[in-house]
Amino acid sequence: MLKSIIDDLKNSTGNSLRMTSLMALAGFAGFVALCFLCVAAFIAVMQRYGVIEACLTIAGIFLVIAAIFAQVYATKQKQARERAAAAARAAARGAANAPLIDPMLVATGIQIARTLGLKKVIPLLALAGVALGYMANRSSAAADDDTNETCDPDEVADD
């Protein structure tokens, strides 16, 4: 079993290394092609308008490319922050229910039930169920309030 896991790891690592090297070669080829395109554009503009205009044209082209990449980067950062916030909210909701499934808590509950007897524990369990339902209802209402707070103020004003 361990050998198959190691073989899978070797295969996936080898595949990742091959794909990375192929992408590096493709990136290098793209960079060389971009360089030659820039040189061709520079020469064409230089012959027609002059050296200063050719330099400004190439600078403008690279400025537009940089602005596009900056916008893509900002969009990806925003998406990453939104995913992190959603994961944090999900973790908070999961952490609220975690004490209820703790094995030590369950074992303690069983010992209490054995000590007190089943006839005395049933009303306590009913009371605990009502309290748990009340707490769950409050936490879902609080989550709904949090989603309403993050809405656009214009949308809230229309309600």
C-alpha atoms as a PDB file:
ATOM      1  CA  MET A   1       0.000   0.000   0.000  1.00  0.00           C
ATOM      2  CA  LEU A   2       2.789   2.392   0.933  1.00  0.00           C
ATOM      3  CA  LYS A   3       4.606   1.533  -2.297  1.00  0.00           C
ATOM      4  CA  SER A   4       1.557   2.481  -4.377  1.00  0.00           C
ATOM      5  CA  ILE A   5       1.272   5.815  -2.571  1.00  0.00           C
ATOM      6  CA  ILE A   6       4.963   6.528  -3.213  1.00  0.00           C
ATOM      7  CA  ASP A   7       4.595   5.517  -6.886  1.00  0.00           C
ATOM      8  CA  ASP A   8       1.586   7.814  -7.270  1.00  0.00           C
ATOM      9  CA  LEU A   9       3.543  10.644  -5.663  1.00  0.00           C
ATOM     10  CA  LYS A  10       6.491  10.058  -8.018  1.00  0.00           C
ATOM     11  CA  ASN A  11       4.204   9.997 -11.065  1.00  0.00           C
ATOM     12  CA  SER A  12       2.341  13.152 -10.096  1.00  0.00           C
ATOM     13  CA  THR A  13       5.590  14.954  -9.271  1.00  0.00           C
ATOM     14  CA  GLY A  14       7.101  13.903 -12.597  1.00  0.00           C
ATOM     15  CA  ASN A  15       4.009  15.037 -14.486  1.00  0.00           C
ATOM     16  CA  SER A  16       3.994  18.379 -12.673  1.00  0.00           C
ATOM     17  CA  LEU A  17       7.669  18.922 -13.434  1.00  0.00           C
ATOM     18  CA  ARG A  18       7.181  18.124 -17.132  1.00  0.00           C
ATOM     19  CA  MET A  19       4.161  20.429 -17.400  1.00  0.00           C
ATOM     20  CA  THR A  20       6.005  23.236 -15.593  1.00  0.00           C
ATOM     21  CA  SER A  21       9.001  22.964 -17.912  1.00  0.00           C
ATOM     22  CA  LEU A  22       6.708  22.980 -20.961  1.00  0.00           C
ATOM     23  CA  MET A  23       4.941  26.103 -19.696  1.00  0.00           C
ATOM     24  CA  ALA A  24       8.305  27.773 -19.028  1.00  0.00           C
ATOM     25  CA  LEU A  25       9.398  27.051 -22.591  1.00  0.00           C
ATOM     26  CA  ALA A  26       6.096  28.360 -23.947  1.00  0.00           C
ATOM     27  CA  GLY A  27       6.457  31.509 -21.855  1.00  0.00           C
ATOM     28  CA  PHE A  28       9.995  32.063 -23.091  1.00  0.00           C
ATOM     29  CA  ALA A  29       8.875  31.602 -26.715  1.00  0.00           C
ATOM     30  CA  GLY A  30       6.029  34.059 -26.154  1.00  0.00           C
ATOM     31  CA  PHE A  31       8.446  36.571 -24.656  1.00  0.00           C
ATOM     32  CA  VAL A  32      10.782  36.299 -27.663  1.00  0.00           C
ATOM     33  CA  ALA A  33       7.823  36.720 -30.033  1.00  0.00           C
ATOM     34  CA  LEU A  34       6.674  39.802 -28.114  1.00  0.00           C
ATOM     35  CA  CYS A  35      10.186  41.264 -28.329  1.00  0.00           C
ATOM     36  CA  PHE A  36      10.280  40.831 -32.106  1.00  0.00           C
ATOM     37  CA  LEU A  37       6.796  42.334 -32.451  1.00  0.00           C
ATOM     38  CA  CYS A  38       7.904  45.348 -30.438  1.00  0.00           C
ATOM     39  CA  VAL A  39      11.022  45.757 -32.569  1.00  0.00           C
ATOM     40  CA  ALA A  40       8.951  45.542 -35.759  1.00  0.00           C
ATOM     41  CA  ALA A  41       6.460  48.110 -34.451  1.00  0.00           C
ATOM     42  CA  PHE A  42       9.299  50.367 -33.352  1.00  0.00           C
ATOM     43  CA  ILE A  43      10.997  50.237 -36.768  1.00  0.00           C
ATOM     44  CA  ALA A  44       7.726  50.811 -38.626  1.00  0.00           C
ATOM     45  CA  VAL A  45       6.789  53.856 -36.519  1.00  0.00           C
ATOM     46  CA  MET A  46      10.383  55.169 -36.567  1.00  0.00           C
ATOM     47  CA  GLN A  47      10.555  55.107 -40.378  1.00  0.00           C
ATOM     48  CA  ARG A  48       7.226  56.859 -40.716  1.00  0.00           C
ATOM     49  CA  TYR A  49       7.214  59.402 -37.836  1.00  0.00           C
ATOM     50  CA  GLY A  50      10.593  59.434 -36.083  1.00  0.00           C
ATOM     51  CA  VAL A  51      12.449  58.004 -33.104  1.00  0.00           C
ATOM     52  CA  ILE A  52      10.659  59.874 -30.307  1.00  0.00           C
ATOM     53  CA  GLU A  53       7.215  58.921 -31.594  1.00  0.00           C
ATOM     54  CA  ALA A  54       8.328  55.299 -31.952  1.00  0.00           C
ATOM     55  CA  CYS A  55       9.564  55.229 -28.340  1.00  0.00           C
ATOM     56  CA  LEU A  56       6.329  56.786 -27.082  1.00  0.00           C
ATOM     57  CA  THR A  57       4.257  54.293 -29.079  1.00  0.00           C
ATOM     58  CA  ILE A  58       6.082  51.291 -27.584  1.00  0.00           C
ATOM     59  CA  ALA A  59       5.828  52.828 -24.096  1.00  0.00           C
ATOM     60  CA  GLY A  60       2.076  53.292 -24.599  1.00  0.00           C
ATOM     61  CA  ILE A  61       1.650  49.696 -25.694  1.00  0.00           C
ATOM     62  CA  PHE A  62       3.447  48.427 -22.597  1.00  0.00           C
ATOM     63  CA  LEU A  63       1.481  50.800 -20.388  1.00  0.00           C
ATOM     64  CA  VAL A  64      -1.789  49.342 -21.701  1.00  0.00           C
ATOM     65  CA  ILE A  65      -0.498  45.793 -21.140  1.00  0.00           C
ATOM     66  CA  ALA A  66       0.539  46.689 -17.563  1.00  0.00           C
ATOM     67  CA  ALA A  67      -2.888  48.226 -16.872  1.00  0.00           C
ATOM     68  CA  ILE A  68      -4.614  45.066 -18.111  1.00  0.00           C
ATOM     69  CA  PHE A  69      -2.477  42.849 -15.873  1.00  0.00           C
ATOM     70  CA  ALA A  70      -3.026  45.160 -12.895  1.00  0.00           C
ATOM     71  CA  GLN A  71      -6.793  44.911 -13.383  1.00  0.00           C
ATOM     72  CA  VAL A  72      -6.628  41.114 -13.614  1.00  0.00           C
ATOM     73  CA  TYR A  73      -4.510  41.034 -10.439  1.00  0.00           C
ATOM     74  CA  ALA A  74      -6.936  43.267  -8.544  1.00  0.00           C
ATOM     75  CA  THR A  75      -9.871  41.104  -9.617  1.00  0.00           C
ATOM     76  CA  LYS A  76      -8.117  37.918  -8.483  1.00  0.00           C
ATOM     77  CA  GLN A  77      -7.225  39.509  -5.135  1.00  0.00           C
ATOM     78  CA  LYS A  78     -10.841  40.528  -4.578  1.00  0.00           C
ATOM     79  CA  GLN A  79     -12.057  37.027  -5.390  1.00  0.00           C
ATOM     80  CA  ALA A  80      -9.474  35.529  -3.013  1.00  0.00           C
ATOM     81  CA  ARG A  81     -10.607  37.863  -0.209  1.00  0.00           C
ATOM     82  CA  GLU A  82     -14.246  36.922  -0.830  1.00  0.00           C
ATOM     83  CA  ARG A  83     -13.402  33.211  -0.755  1.00  0.00           C
ATOM     84  CA  ALA A  84     -11.428  33.676   2.469  1.00  0.00           C
ATOM     85  CA  ALA A  85     -14.312  35.557   4.074  1.00  0.00           C
ATOM     86  CA  ALA A  86     -16.775  32.855   3.016  1.00  0.00           C
ATOM     87  CA  ALA A  87     -14.472  30.167   4.417  1.00  0.00           C
ATOM     88  CA  ALA A  88     -14.155  32.084   7.679  1.00  0.00           C
ATOM     89  CA  ARG A  89     -17.944  32.366   7.966  1.00  0.00           C
ATOM     90  CA  ALA A  90     -18.321  28.642   7.269  1.00  0.00           C
ATOM     91  CA  ALA A  91     -15.640  27.824   9.846  1.00  0.00           C
ATOM     92  CA  ALA A  92     -17.375  30.026  12.408  1.00  0.00           C
ATOM     93  CA  ARG A  93     -20.679  28.250  11.771  1.00  0.00           C
ATOM     94  CA  GLY A  94     -18.940  24.883  12.053  1.00  0.00           C
ATOM     95  CA  ALA A  95     -17.159  25.902  15.242  1.00  0.00           C
ATOM     96  CA  ALA A  96     -20.475  26.857  16.831  1.00  0.00           C
ATOM     97  CA  ASN A  97     -21.688  23.263  16.432  1.00  0.00           C
ATOM     98  CA  ALA A  98     -18.361  21.616  17.322  1.00  0.00           C
ATOM     99  CA  PRO A  99     -18.917  21.368  21.107  1.00  0.00           C
ATOM    100  CA  LEU A 100     -22.070  19.348  20.514  1.00  0.00           C
ATOM    101  CA  ILE A 101     -20.183  16.552  18.739  1.00  0.00           C
ATOM    102  CA  ASP A 102     -17.186  16.466  21.081  1.00  0.00           C
ATOM    103  CA  PRO A 103     -16.605  12.826  22.175  1.00  0.00           C
ATOM    104  CA  MET A 104     -15.758  13.887  25.727  1.00  0.00           C
ATOM    105  CA  LEU A 105     -19.049  15.757  25.995  1.00  0.00           C
ATOM    106  CA  VAL A 106     -20.973  12.748  24.698  1.00  0.00           C
ATOM    107  CA  ALA A 107     -19.172  10.422  27.151  1.00  0.00           C
ATOM    108  CA  THR A 108     -19.948  12.794  30.022  1.00  0.00           C
ATOM    109  CA  GLY A 109     -23.592  12.882  28.984  1.00  0.00           C
ATOM    110  CA  ILE A 110     -23.784   9.080  28.976  1.00  0.00           C
ATOM    111  CA  GLN A 111     -22.221   8.908  32.442  1.00  0.00           C
ATOM    112  CA  ILE A 112     -24.708  11.481  33.754  1.00  0.00           C
ATOM    113  CA  ALA A 113     -27.575   9.498  32.220  1.00  0.00           C
ATOM    114  CA  ARG A 114     -26.344   6.310  33.904  1.00  0.00           C
ATOM    115  CA  THR A 115     -25.899   8.049  37.246  1.00  0.00           C
ATOM    116  CA  LEU A 116     -29.270   9.812  37.351  1.00  0.00           C
ATOM    117  CA  GLY A 117     -31.309   7.132  35.656  1.00  0.00           C
ATOM    118  CA  LEU A 118     -33.216   7.235  32.408  1.00  0.00           C
ATOM    119  CA  LYS A 119     -36.502   8.503  33.906  1.00  0.00           C
ATOM    120  CA  LYS A 120     -34.856  11.631  35.305  1.00  0.00           C
ATOM    121  CA  VAL A 121     -32.733  12.295  32.218  1.00  0.00           C
ATOM    122  CA  ILE A 122     -35.587  12.371  29.660  1.00  0.00           C
ATOM    123  CA  PRO A 123     -37.043  15.713  30.907  1.00  0.00           C
ATOM    124  CA  LEU A 124     -33.519  17.154  31.018  1.00  0.00           C
ATOM    125  CA  LEU A 125     -32.931  16.035  27.410  1.00  0.00           C
ATOM    126  CA  ALA A 126     -36.201  17.626  26.332  1.00  0.00           C
ATOM    127  CA  LEU A 127     -35.205  20.877  27.999  1.00  0.00           C
ATOM    128  CA  ALA A 128     -31.737  20.710  26.395  1.00  0.00           C
ATOM    129  CA  GLY A 129     -33.340  20.093  22.980  1.00  0.00           C
ATOM    130  CA  VAL A 130     -35.524  23.175  23.342  1.00  0.00           C
ATOM    131  CA  ALA A 131     -32.517  25.256  24.414  1.00  0.00           C
ATOM    132  CA  LEU A 132     -30.464  23.916  21.505  1.00  0.00           C
ATOM    133  CA  GLY A 133     -33.238  24.749  19.047  1.00  0.00           C
ATOM    134  CA  TYR A 134     -33.469  28.249  20.479  1.00  0.00           C
ATOM    135  CA  MET A 135     -29.694  28.738  20.154  1.00  0.00           C
ATOM    136  CA  ALA A 136     -29.701  27.443  16.573  1.00  0.00           C
ATOM    137  CA  ASN A 137     -32.556  29.795  15.700  1.00  0.00           C
ATOM    138  CA  ARG A 138     -30.658  32.756  17.173  1.00  0.00           C
ATOM    139  CA  SER A 139     -27.436  31.880  15.322  1.00  0.00           C
ATOM    140  CA  SER A 140     -29.262  31.600  11.980  1.00  0.00           C
ATOM    141  CA  ALA A 141     -30.996  34.927  12.632  1.00  0.00           C
ATOM    142  CA  ALA A 142     -27.602  36.492  13.418  1.00  0.00           C
ATOM    143  CA  ALA A 143     -26.179  35.071  10.172  1.00  0.00           C
ATOM    144  CA  ASP A 144     -29.109  36.596   8.267  1.00  0.00           C
ATOM    145  CA  ASP A 145     -28.427  39.954   9.929  1.00  0.00           C
ATOM    146  CA  ASP A 146     -24.742  39.715   8.886  1.00  0.00           C
ATOM    147  CA  THR A 147     -25.701  39.149   5.248  1.00  0.00           C
ATOM    148  CA  ASN A 148     -28.088  42.111   5.362  1.00  0.00           C
ATOM    149  CA  GLU A 149     -25.329  44.350   6.769  1.00  0.00           C
ATOM    150  CA  THR A 150     -23.052  43.542   3.812  1.00  0.00           C
ATOM    151  CA  CYS A 151     -25.680  44.496   1.239  1.00  0.00           C
ATOM    152  CA  ASP A 152     -25.548  47.673  -0.791  1.00  0.00           C
ATOM    153  CA  PRO A 153     -27.025  50.643   1.146  1.00  0.00           C
ATOM    154  CA  ASP A 154     -29.093  51.609  -1.894  1.00  0.00           C
ATOM    155  CA  GLU A 155     -30.792  48.200  -1.845  1.00  0.00           C
ATOM    156  CA  VAL A 156     -31.603  48.515   1.853  1.00  0.00           C
ATOM    157  CA  ALA A 157     -33.074  52.002   1.315  1.00  0.00           C
ATOM    158  CA  ASP A 158     -35.421  50.648  -1.376  1.00  0.00           C
ATOM    159  CA  ASP A 159     -36.919  48.064   1.036  1.00  0.00           C
END
